[in-house]
Amino acid sequence: MENRAVPKDKKKTRRMVLTALFATIVCVATLVIRIPTPLGGYFHMGDTTILLAGFLLGPAAGATAGAVGSVLADFFGGYVQYVPPTLIIKGLMGYLAGLLYRRLGGNGGVREAHLGAAVLAGLVCESVMVVGYYLFALIFLRFEGAAALTIPGDVVQGLVGIVGATLLLKAFSKSSLSI
């Protein structure tokens, strides 16, 4: 593939299309692979794709893809009560993934994966997810013990998300994709 300068309007269009594509991938990854948990939630692969969107596309696109894709998954998956916290938590995760990945040495795109930056950014993002849903459960359930029960499952999901996003980032860095 030739490496030519792309006009500004085509870059904006490409960015919008990739953001919409990642929002769709987040939604599908959240809805298709669902492993129920004893507390009524479920494990999913959405976090993997939210982190990857942030790493590859940057903070704004990561936030948009994470928030929109996850909210649609909650809505269509029958978890409407989680739409408000999901909008904030998953949007913040995508934003921080893009911001921290770049600040820690990742360059965005797929040409060169900085795995250390991806892991560190992922740890921060997934910590936001764990704390965010804990606080929502604490306020919603109004019982600290029940809210604390959400933490182990969210930690496992977060770790799977970090590993998955890091592995995909590494795989994409070896490809000829141009994002």
Protein backbone atom coordinates (compact mmCIF):
# COMPACT_ATOMS: atom_id res chain seq x y z
CA MET A 1 0.00 0.00 0.00
CA GLU A 2 1.35 3.40 -0.99
CA ASN A 3 2.03 5.89 1.76
CA ARG A 4 0.46 9.09 0.41
CA ALA A 5 -0.92 12.09 2.24
CA VAL A 6 -4.67 11.82 2.74
CA PRO A 7 -6.78 14.99 2.39
CA LYS A 8 -8.17 16.33 5.67
CA ASP A 9 -11.83 15.65 4.82
CA LYS A 10 -11.03 12.03 3.96
CA LYS A 11 -9.16 11.65 7.26
CA LYS A 12 -12.22 12.92 9.14
CA THR A 13 -14.50 10.57 7.24
CA ARG A 14 -12.15 7.65 7.84
CA ARG A 15 -11.97 8.48 11.56
CA MET A 16 -15.77 8.60 11.82
CA VAL A 17 -16.16 5.30 9.98
CA LEU A 18 -13.54 3.58 12.15
CA THR A 19 -15.16 4.95 15.31
CA ALA A 20 -18.58 3.67 14.22
CA LEU A 21 -17.04 0.33 13.25
CA PHE A 22 -15.40 -0.02 16.67
CA ALA A 23 -18.66 0.96 18.43
CA THR A 24 -20.34 -1.85 16.51
CA ILE A 25 -17.55 -4.28 17.38
CA VAL A 26 -17.81 -3.31 21.08
CA CYS A 27 -21.57 -3.93 21.00
CA VAL A 28 -21.25 -7.28 19.23
CA ALA A 29 -18.32 -8.42 21.41
CA THR A 30 -20.41 -7.61 24.48
CA LEU A 31 -23.59 -9.30 23.28
CA VAL A 32 -22.32 -12.39 21.46
CA ILE A 33 -20.01 -13.92 24.06
CA ARG A 34 -21.91 -13.64 27.35
CA ILE A 35 -21.07 -15.85 30.28
CA PRO A 36 -23.60 -15.27 33.09
CA THR A 37 -22.38 -14.55 36.62
CA PRO A 38 -24.17 -15.53 39.84
CA LEU A 39 -25.07 -11.89 40.57
CA GLY A 40 -27.09 -11.42 37.39
CA GLY A 41 -24.36 -9.84 35.27
CA TYR A 42 -22.16 -11.48 32.68
CA PHE A 43 -18.59 -11.74 31.43
CA HIS A 44 -18.01 -10.44 27.89
CA MET A 45 -15.29 -9.41 25.45
CA GLY A 46 -16.41 -5.79 25.14
CA ASP A 47 -13.59 -4.43 27.31
CA THR A 48 -11.02 -5.93 24.97
CA THR A 49 -12.42 -3.96 22.06
CA ILE A 50 -12.87 -0.74 24.05
CA LEU A 51 -9.21 -0.77 25.04
CA LEU A 52 -8.16 -1.62 21.49
CA ALA A 53 -10.26 1.26 20.10
CA GLY A 54 -8.54 3.68 22.47
CA PHE A 55 -5.08 2.34 21.67
CA LEU A 56 -5.58 2.46 17.91
CA LEU A 57 -7.85 5.46 17.42
CA GLY A 58 -7.08 7.76 20.35
CA PRO A 59 -9.01 9.21 23.27
CA ALA A 60 -12.05 10.77 21.56
CA ALA A 61 -12.77 7.83 19.27
CA GLY A 62 -12.04 5.36 22.08
CA ALA A 63 -14.52 7.16 24.35
CA THR A 64 -17.19 7.27 21.66
CA ALA A 65 -16.77 3.63 20.63
CA GLY A 66 -16.69 2.45 24.26
CA ALA A 67 -19.70 4.46 25.38
CA VAL A 68 -21.93 3.95 22.35
CA GLY A 69 -21.13 0.26 21.81
CA SER A 70 -21.51 -0.65 25.48
CA VAL A 71 -24.71 1.34 25.99
CA LEU A 72 -26.27 -0.30 22.95
CA ALA A 73 -25.24 -3.72 24.29
CA ASP A 74 -26.80 -2.98 27.69
CA PHE A 75 -29.96 -1.67 26.05
CA PHE A 76 -30.42 -4.53 23.58
CA GLY A 77 -29.19 -7.13 26.09
CA GLY A 78 -31.89 -6.27 28.63
CA TYR A 79 -29.69 -4.41 31.14
CA VAL A 80 -31.30 -0.98 30.73
CA GLN A 81 -30.66 -0.11 34.38
CA TYR A 82 -26.92 -0.14 33.60
CA VAL A 83 -27.12 2.31 30.68
CA PRO A 84 -26.30 5.48 32.71
CA PRO A 85 -23.23 4.10 34.54
CA THR A 86 -22.07 2.23 31.44
CA LEU A 87 -22.16 5.43 29.39
CA ILE A 88 -19.82 7.10 31.86
CA ILE A 89 -17.60 4.14 32.80
CA LYS A 90 -17.02 2.66 29.34
CA GLY A 91 -16.66 6.10 27.75
CA LEU A 92 -14.04 7.01 30.35
CA MET A 93 -12.27 3.70 29.77
CA GLY A 94 -12.00 4.33 26.03
CA TYR A 95 -10.84 7.90 26.58
CA LEU A 96 -8.19 6.93 29.13
CA ALA A 97 -7.02 4.00 26.99
CA GLY A 98 -6.23 6.37 24.13
CA LEU A 99 -4.78 9.13 26.29
CA LEU A 100 -2.61 6.97 28.52
CA TYR A 101 -1.41 4.70 25.72
CA ARG A 102 -0.03 7.72 23.89
CA ARG A 103 1.36 9.39 27.00
CA LEU A 104 3.13 6.17 27.99
CA GLY A 105 4.85 5.81 24.64
CA GLY A 106 2.34 4.18 22.31
CA ASN A 107 2.01 5.96 18.99
CA GLY A 108 -1.52 4.92 18.06
CA GLY A 109 -2.32 3.11 14.85
CA VAL A 110 -1.02 -0.38 14.25
CA ARG A 111 2.48 0.16 12.93
CA GLU A 112 4.25 -0.27 16.25
CA ALA A 113 2.70 -1.79 19.35
CA HIS A 114 4.01 -0.59 22.69
CA LEU A 115 2.87 -3.46 24.88
CA GLY A 116 4.08 -1.98 28.16
CA ALA A 117 2.04 1.17 27.52
CA ALA A 118 -0.97 -0.97 26.60
CA VAL A 119 -0.77 -3.01 29.81
CA LEU A 120 -0.33 0.03 32.06
CA ALA A 121 -3.11 1.96 30.34
CA GLY A 122 -5.31 -1.14 30.51
CA LEU A 123 -4.72 -1.51 34.25
CA VAL A 124 -5.83 2.07 34.87
CA CYS A 125 -8.87 1.71 32.60
CA GLU A 126 -10.01 -1.55 34.10
CA SER A 127 -9.54 -0.13 37.61
CA VAL A 128 -11.95 2.64 36.60
CA MET A 129 -14.40 -0.05 35.48
CA VAL A 130 -14.14 -2.04 38.72
CA VAL A 131 -14.49 1.03 40.95
CA GLY A 132 -17.23 2.55 38.77
CA TYR A 133 -19.46 -0.50 38.84
CA TYR A 134 -18.73 -1.04 42.55
CA LEU A 135 -19.92 2.51 43.28
CA PHE A 136 -23.00 2.01 41.11
CA ALA A 137 -23.83 -1.25 42.92
CA LEU A 138 -23.22 0.43 46.28
CA ILE A 139 -25.62 3.25 45.46
CA PHE A 140 -28.13 1.05 43.60
CA LEU A 141 -28.13 -1.89 46.02
CA ARG A 142 -27.53 0.30 49.10
CA PHE A 143 -25.65 -2.51 50.78
CA GLU A 144 -21.86 -2.52 50.85
CA GLY A 145 -21.53 -6.31 51.10
CA ALA A 146 -23.57 -6.92 47.95
CA ALA A 147 -21.66 -4.24 46.05
CA ALA A 148 -18.33 -5.80 47.08
CA LEU A 149 -19.45 -9.09 45.53
CA THR A 150 -19.20 -7.47 42.08
CA ILE A 151 -15.48 -6.80 42.45
CA PRO A 152 -13.98 -10.28 41.80
CA GLY A 153 -15.95 -10.79 38.58
CA ASP A 154 -15.14 -7.31 37.35
CA VAL A 155 -11.44 -7.84 38.12
CA VAL A 156 -11.43 -11.08 36.09
CA GLN A 157 -13.21 -9.37 33.20
CA GLY A 158 -10.74 -6.50 33.39
CA LEU A 159 -7.73 -8.80 33.27
CA VAL A 160 -9.17 -10.69 30.32
CA GLY A 161 -9.79 -7.35 28.60
CA ILE A 162 -6.19 -6.25 29.11
CA VAL A 163 -4.73 -9.53 27.88
CA GLY A 164 -7.07 -9.64 24.87
CA ALA A 165 -6.44 -6.02 23.84
CA THR A 166 -2.67 -6.40 24.24
CA LEU A 167 -2.60 -9.59 22.16
CA LEU A 168 -4.75 -8.03 19.43
CA LEU A 169 -2.61 -4.89 19.40
CA LYS A 170 0.49 -7.05 18.96
CA ALA A 171 -1.18 -9.05 16.18
CA PHE A 172 -2.31 -5.91 14.36
CA SER A 173 1.18 -4.41 14.61
CA LYS A 174 2.46 -7.32 12.51
CA SER A 175 -0.19 -6.76 9.84
CA SER A 176 -0.22 -4.39 6.89
CA LEU A 177 -3.30 -2.53 8.18
CA SER A 178 -3.21 1.23 8.13
CA ILE A 179 -5.32 2.91 10.81
